[in-house]
Structures are given as structure tokens and as C-alpha cells.
Amino acid sequence: MKIKDKNSQKPKPKGRKSALQRPPLLEKADCGAQVPKDQRFKERWLELNSDVRSALGSWNDLTEKYDGKMNRDQEQLHEIKSLLQELQKKLKVFGE
């Protein structure tokens, strides 16, 4: 039987590393190289505006596609209504 030396084993990392790690903090010297706050705000606003326009376009396309079509529940209710109407007609004939 072979005895393993504890010092020869690779040390295990302590703690778990998260997939979402925080970026390192910027030093004060790097602040001058950053994009101005107004520019970042404008870029984010344009991205948001673009996303809203895209969502609105998708909404309009889907509305046009499904306009006038009944959903599954409405189809079932329509079918039940027609079956009840047929039953009512048959009962009238039977009652006469």
C-alpha cells in the first residue's frame, strides 16, 4: 500500500467562483478615459428606443396575423354553442 504525501497533492481552490463576477473597480486615473455620462445616457436611450420600436413592430405584426382568429377557448365555446343549438332544434321537433 502506497501512502500519499499531503504536500504533493494539488491544493484545492477555496470558495466557489461565480460565473458573474464583478468587474474590477476603476481607478481614478482611468476616469478621464471613460465615455462622458451624457454620451452613455444618450447611447442607452437610443438602445431603449430601438428596443421599444422593435417590440411595437412585433406586436403589430402579431396583431395583424391573428386578427379575427379565435383562440382555442373561443373555438370550444363556439362549438359548444352550436351543439346546444342543434340539441334545441331536435328537442323542438321531439316536443311537437
N, C-alpha and C. Protein backbone atom coordinates (compact mmCIF):
# COMPACT_ATOMS: atom_id res chain seq x y z
N MET A 1 0.84 -1.17 0.00
CA MET A 1 0.00 0.00 0.00
C MET A 1 0.89 1.23 0.00
N LYS A 2 0.48 2.16 -0.86
CA LYS A 2 1.29 3.37 -1.03
C LYS A 2 0.65 4.53 -0.27
N ILE A 3 1.42 5.22 0.50
CA ILE A 3 0.92 6.36 1.27
C ILE A 3 1.22 7.63 0.49
N LYS A 4 0.18 8.43 0.30
CA LYS A 4 0.34 9.68 -0.44
C LYS A 4 0.82 10.77 0.49
N ASP A 5 1.73 11.55 -0.03
CA ASP A 5 2.24 12.69 0.74
C ASP A 5 1.26 13.84 0.59
N LYS A 6 0.80 14.42 1.67
CA LYS A 6 -0.16 15.52 1.61
C LYS A 6 0.40 16.72 0.88
N ASN A 7 1.69 16.95 0.95
CA ASN A 7 2.29 18.11 0.31
C ASN A 7 2.39 17.95 -1.20
N SER A 8 2.32 16.71 -1.71
CA SER A 8 2.44 16.50 -3.16
C SER A 8 1.13 16.70 -3.89
N GLN A 9 0.03 16.74 -3.17
CA GLN A 9 -1.27 16.93 -3.81
C GLN A 9 -1.46 18.40 -4.18
N LYS A 10 -2.22 18.61 -5.26
CA LYS A 10 -2.50 19.98 -5.69
C LYS A 10 -3.49 20.61 -4.72
N PRO A 11 -3.25 21.84 -4.34
CA PRO A 11 -4.19 22.49 -3.42
C PRO A 11 -5.52 22.76 -4.13
N LYS A 12 -6.60 22.53 -3.41
CA LYS A 12 -7.93 22.78 -3.96
C LYS A 12 -8.25 24.26 -3.79
N PRO A 13 -8.91 24.84 -4.81
CA PRO A 13 -9.29 26.25 -4.66
C PRO A 13 -10.35 26.40 -3.59
N LYS A 14 -10.24 27.45 -2.82
CA LYS A 14 -11.18 27.70 -1.75
C LYS A 14 -12.31 28.58 -2.27
N GLY A 15 -13.53 28.24 -1.91
CA GLY A 15 -14.68 29.03 -2.32
C GLY A 15 -15.06 28.72 -3.76
N ARG A 16 -16.25 29.14 -4.13
CA ARG A 16 -16.73 28.94 -5.49
C ARG A 16 -16.61 30.23 -6.26
N LYS A 17 -16.22 30.10 -7.50
CA LYS A 17 -16.16 31.27 -8.35
C LYS A 17 -17.49 31.41 -9.06
N SER A 18 -18.02 32.57 -9.01
CA SER A 18 -19.29 32.84 -9.65
C SER A 18 -19.06 33.14 -11.12
N ALA A 19 -20.03 32.71 -11.96
CA ALA A 19 -19.93 32.99 -13.38
C ALA A 19 -20.09 34.49 -13.64
N LEU A 20 -20.78 35.15 -12.74
CA LEU A 20 -20.99 36.59 -12.88
C LEU A 20 -20.13 37.31 -11.85
N GLN A 21 -18.92 37.56 -12.22
CA GLN A 21 -18.02 38.25 -11.31
C GLN A 21 -18.10 39.75 -11.58
N ARG A 22 -17.92 40.50 -10.53
CA ARG A 22 -17.94 41.94 -10.69
C ARG A 22 -16.68 42.39 -11.40
N PRO A 23 -16.81 43.40 -12.27
CA PRO A 23 -15.61 43.91 -12.93
C PRO A 23 -14.74 44.64 -11.92
N PRO A 24 -13.46 44.70 -12.16
CA PRO A 24 -12.59 45.40 -11.21
C PRO A 24 -12.95 46.88 -11.16
N LEU A 25 -12.79 47.47 -9.99
CA LEU A 25 -13.11 48.88 -9.83
C LEU A 25 -12.12 49.73 -10.61
N LEU A 26 -12.64 50.78 -11.21
CA LEU A 26 -11.79 51.67 -11.97
C LEU A 26 -11.03 52.59 -11.03
N GLU A 27 -9.80 52.80 -11.35
CA GLU A 27 -9.01 53.72 -10.54
C GLU A 27 -9.30 55.15 -10.99
N LYS A 28 -8.97 56.10 -10.18
CA LYS A 28 -9.24 57.49 -10.51
C LYS A 28 -8.50 57.93 -11.76
N ALA A 29 -7.38 57.34 -12.07
CA ALA A 29 -6.62 57.71 -13.26
C ALA A 29 -7.36 57.31 -14.53
N ASP A 30 -8.18 56.25 -14.46
CA ASP A 30 -8.91 55.78 -15.63
C ASP A 30 -10.17 56.58 -15.90
N CYS A 31 -10.60 57.40 -14.97
CA CYS A 31 -11.85 58.15 -15.12
C CYS A 31 -11.82 59.08 -16.32
N GLY A 32 -10.68 59.62 -16.66
CA GLY A 32 -10.57 60.51 -17.80
C GLY A 32 -10.78 59.78 -19.11
N ALA A 33 -10.51 58.48 -19.16
CA ALA A 33 -10.65 57.70 -20.38
C ALA A 33 -12.07 57.20 -20.57
N GLN A 34 -12.93 57.37 -19.58
CA GLN A 34 -14.31 56.89 -19.68
C GLN A 34 -15.11 57.77 -20.64
N VAL A 35 -16.19 57.17 -21.15
CA VAL A 35 -17.11 57.90 -22.01
C VAL A 35 -17.88 58.87 -21.12
N PRO A 36 -18.10 60.10 -21.56
CA PRO A 36 -18.84 61.06 -20.74
C PRO A 36 -20.24 60.52 -20.40
N LYS A 37 -20.72 60.93 -19.23
CA LYS A 37 -22.00 60.45 -18.73
C LYS A 37 -23.14 60.78 -19.69
N ASP A 38 -23.14 61.97 -20.26
CA ASP A 38 -24.19 62.36 -21.20
C ASP A 38 -24.18 61.46 -22.42
N GLN A 39 -23.00 61.10 -22.90
CA GLN A 39 -22.89 60.23 -24.07
C GLN A 39 -23.43 58.83 -23.76
N ARG A 40 -23.09 58.29 -22.59
CA ARG A 40 -23.59 56.98 -22.19
C ARG A 40 -25.11 57.00 -22.06
N PHE A 41 -25.63 58.09 -21.47
CA PHE A 41 -27.08 58.23 -21.32
C PHE A 41 -27.74 58.24 -22.69
N LYS A 42 -27.17 58.97 -23.63
CA LYS A 42 -27.74 59.07 -24.98
C LYS A 42 -27.70 57.71 -25.68
N GLU A 43 -26.59 56.98 -25.54
CA GLU A 43 -26.48 55.67 -26.17
C GLU A 43 -27.52 54.70 -25.59
N ARG A 44 -27.67 54.72 -24.28
CA ARG A 44 -28.65 53.83 -23.65
C ARG A 44 -30.07 54.20 -24.06
N TRP A 45 -30.33 55.49 -24.16
CA TRP A 45 -31.66 55.96 -24.57
C TRP A 45 -31.95 55.50 -26.00
N LEU A 46 -30.97 55.60 -26.89
CA LEU A 46 -31.17 55.15 -28.26
C LEU A 46 -31.40 53.64 -28.34
N GLU A 47 -30.67 52.87 -27.53
CA GLU A 47 -30.87 51.42 -27.49
C GLU A 47 -32.28 51.09 -26.99
N LEU A 48 -32.71 51.76 -25.95
CA LEU A 48 -34.03 51.54 -25.39
C LEU A 48 -35.11 51.90 -26.41
N ASN A 49 -34.93 53.02 -27.08
CA ASN A 49 -35.87 53.47 -28.09
C ASN A 49 -35.95 52.45 -29.22
N SER A 50 -34.81 51.93 -29.62
CA SER A 50 -34.77 50.92 -30.67
C SER A 50 -35.50 49.65 -30.24
N ASP A 51 -35.29 49.23 -29.00
CA ASP A 51 -35.96 48.03 -28.48
C ASP A 51 -37.47 48.22 -28.44
N VAL A 52 -37.91 49.40 -28.03
CA VAL A 52 -39.35 49.67 -27.96
C VAL A 52 -39.95 49.67 -29.36
N ARG A 53 -39.27 50.26 -30.31
CA ARG A 53 -39.77 50.25 -31.70
C ARG A 53 -39.86 48.83 -32.24
N SER A 54 -38.86 48.02 -31.95
CA SER A 54 -38.85 46.63 -32.39
C SER A 54 -40.01 45.86 -31.77
N ALA A 55 -40.23 46.05 -30.48
CA ALA A 55 -41.32 45.36 -29.79
C ALA A 55 -42.67 45.79 -30.34
N LEU A 56 -42.82 47.08 -30.62
CA LEU A 56 -44.07 47.58 -31.17
C LEU A 56 -44.31 47.01 -32.56
N GLY A 57 -43.25 46.92 -33.36
CA GLY A 57 -43.37 46.32 -34.69
C GLY A 57 -43.78 44.87 -34.61
N SER A 58 -43.19 44.13 -33.68
CA SER A 58 -43.55 42.72 -33.50
C SER A 58 -44.99 42.59 -33.05
N TRP A 59 -45.40 43.48 -32.14
CA TRP A 59 -46.78 43.46 -31.65
C TRP A 59 -47.75 43.70 -32.81
N ASN A 60 -47.45 44.68 -33.65
CA ASN A 60 -48.33 44.98 -34.78
C ASN A 60 -48.39 43.81 -35.75
N ASP A 61 -47.24 43.17 -36.02
CA ASP A 61 -47.21 42.02 -36.93
C ASP A 61 -48.06 40.87 -36.38
N LEU A 62 -47.92 40.58 -35.09
CA LEU A 62 -48.71 39.50 -34.50
C LEU A 62 -50.19 39.83 -34.46
N THR A 63 -50.51 41.10 -34.21
CA THR A 63 -51.91 41.51 -34.19
C THR A 63 -52.54 41.32 -35.55
N GLU A 64 -51.83 41.71 -36.60
CA GLU A 64 -52.34 41.53 -37.95
C GLU A 64 -52.48 40.04 -38.30
N LYS A 65 -51.53 39.25 -37.86
CA LYS A 65 -51.53 37.82 -38.18
C LYS A 65 -52.72 37.11 -37.53
N TYR A 66 -53.00 37.44 -36.27
CA TYR A 66 -54.04 36.73 -35.53
C TYR A 66 -55.35 37.50 -35.43
N ASP A 67 -55.47 38.61 -36.15
CA ASP A 67 -56.69 39.39 -36.10
C ASP A 67 -57.83 38.59 -36.70
N GLY A 68 -58.91 38.48 -35.97
CA GLY A 68 -60.08 37.76 -36.46
C GLY A 68 -60.03 36.27 -36.16
N LYS A 69 -58.91 35.75 -35.75
CA LYS A 69 -58.83 34.34 -35.42
C LYS A 69 -59.21 34.16 -33.95
N MET A 70 -59.93 33.08 -33.72
CA MET A 70 -60.33 32.79 -32.34
C MET A 70 -59.26 31.95 -31.67
N ASN A 71 -59.10 32.17 -30.38
CA ASN A 71 -58.18 31.32 -29.65
C ASN A 71 -58.88 30.00 -29.34
N ARG A 72 -58.17 29.08 -28.75
CA ARG A 72 -58.69 27.74 -28.53
C ARG A 72 -59.95 27.74 -27.65
N ASP A 73 -59.94 28.54 -26.61
CA ASP A 73 -61.11 28.61 -25.72
C ASP A 73 -62.34 29.14 -26.47
N GLN A 74 -62.13 30.16 -27.29
CA GLN A 74 -63.24 30.72 -28.05
C GLN A 74 -63.79 29.71 -29.05
N GLU A 75 -62.89 28.94 -29.67
CA GLU A 75 -63.33 27.91 -30.61
C GLU A 75 -64.18 26.86 -29.91
N GLN A 76 -63.75 26.44 -28.72
CA GLN A 76 -64.51 25.44 -27.97
C GLN A 76 -65.87 25.99 -27.55
N LEU A 77 -65.91 27.24 -27.11
CA LEU A 77 -67.20 27.83 -26.73
C LEU A 77 -68.13 27.94 -27.94
N HIS A 78 -67.58 28.28 -29.09
CA HIS A 78 -68.38 28.37 -30.31
C HIS A 78 -68.94 26.99 -30.68
N GLU A 79 -68.11 25.96 -30.55
CA GLU A 79 -68.55 24.60 -30.86
C GLU A 79 -69.65 24.15 -29.89
N ILE A 80 -69.48 24.44 -28.61
CA ILE A 80 -70.50 24.09 -27.61
C ILE A 80 -71.80 24.81 -27.91
N LYS A 81 -71.70 26.07 -28.27
CA LYS A 81 -72.90 26.85 -28.59
C LYS A 81 -73.63 26.24 -29.77
N SER A 82 -72.89 25.85 -30.81
CA SER A 82 -73.54 25.25 -31.98
C SER A 82 -74.17 23.89 -31.63
N LEU A 83 -73.51 23.11 -30.78
CA LEU A 83 -74.09 21.82 -30.35
C LEU A 83 -75.37 22.03 -29.54
N LEU A 84 -75.38 23.03 -28.68
CA LEU A 84 -76.59 23.34 -27.91
C LEU A 84 -77.73 23.80 -28.82
N GLN A 85 -77.40 24.56 -29.85
CA GLN A 85 -78.43 25.00 -30.79
C GLN A 85 -79.02 23.81 -31.54
N GLU A 86 -78.16 22.89 -31.95
CA GLU A 86 -78.65 21.68 -32.63
C GLU A 86 -79.53 20.86 -31.69
N LEU A 87 -79.12 20.71 -30.44
CA LEU A 87 -79.91 19.97 -29.46
C LEU A 87 -81.26 20.63 -29.24
N GLN A 88 -81.28 21.96 -29.19
CA GLN A 88 -82.52 22.70 -29.01
C GLN A 88 -83.46 22.45 -30.19
N LYS A 89 -82.93 22.44 -31.41
CA LYS A 89 -83.76 22.16 -32.60
C LYS A 89 -84.35 20.75 -32.53
N LYS A 90 -83.54 19.77 -32.12
CA LYS A 90 -84.02 18.39 -32.04
C LYS A 90 -85.07 18.25 -30.94
N LEU A 91 -84.88 18.95 -29.85
CA LEU A 91 -85.89 18.89 -28.78
C LEU A 91 -87.20 19.52 -29.21
N LYS A 92 -87.15 20.56 -30.02
CA LYS A 92 -88.38 21.18 -30.52
C LYS A 92 -89.11 20.21 -31.42
N VAL A 93 -88.37 19.50 -32.28
CA VAL A 93 -89.00 18.52 -33.17
C VAL A 93 -89.59 17.38 -32.35
N PHE A 94 -88.90 16.93 -31.32
CA PHE A 94 -89.37 15.86 -30.47
C PHE A 94 -90.61 16.29 -29.68
N GLY A 95 -90.64 17.54 -29.28
CA GLY A 95 -91.76 18.05 -28.49
C GLY A 95 -93.01 18.27 -29.30
N GLU A 96 -92.88 18.38 -30.60
CA GLU A 96 -94.09 18.64 -31.42
C GLU A 96 -94.92 17.44 -31.63
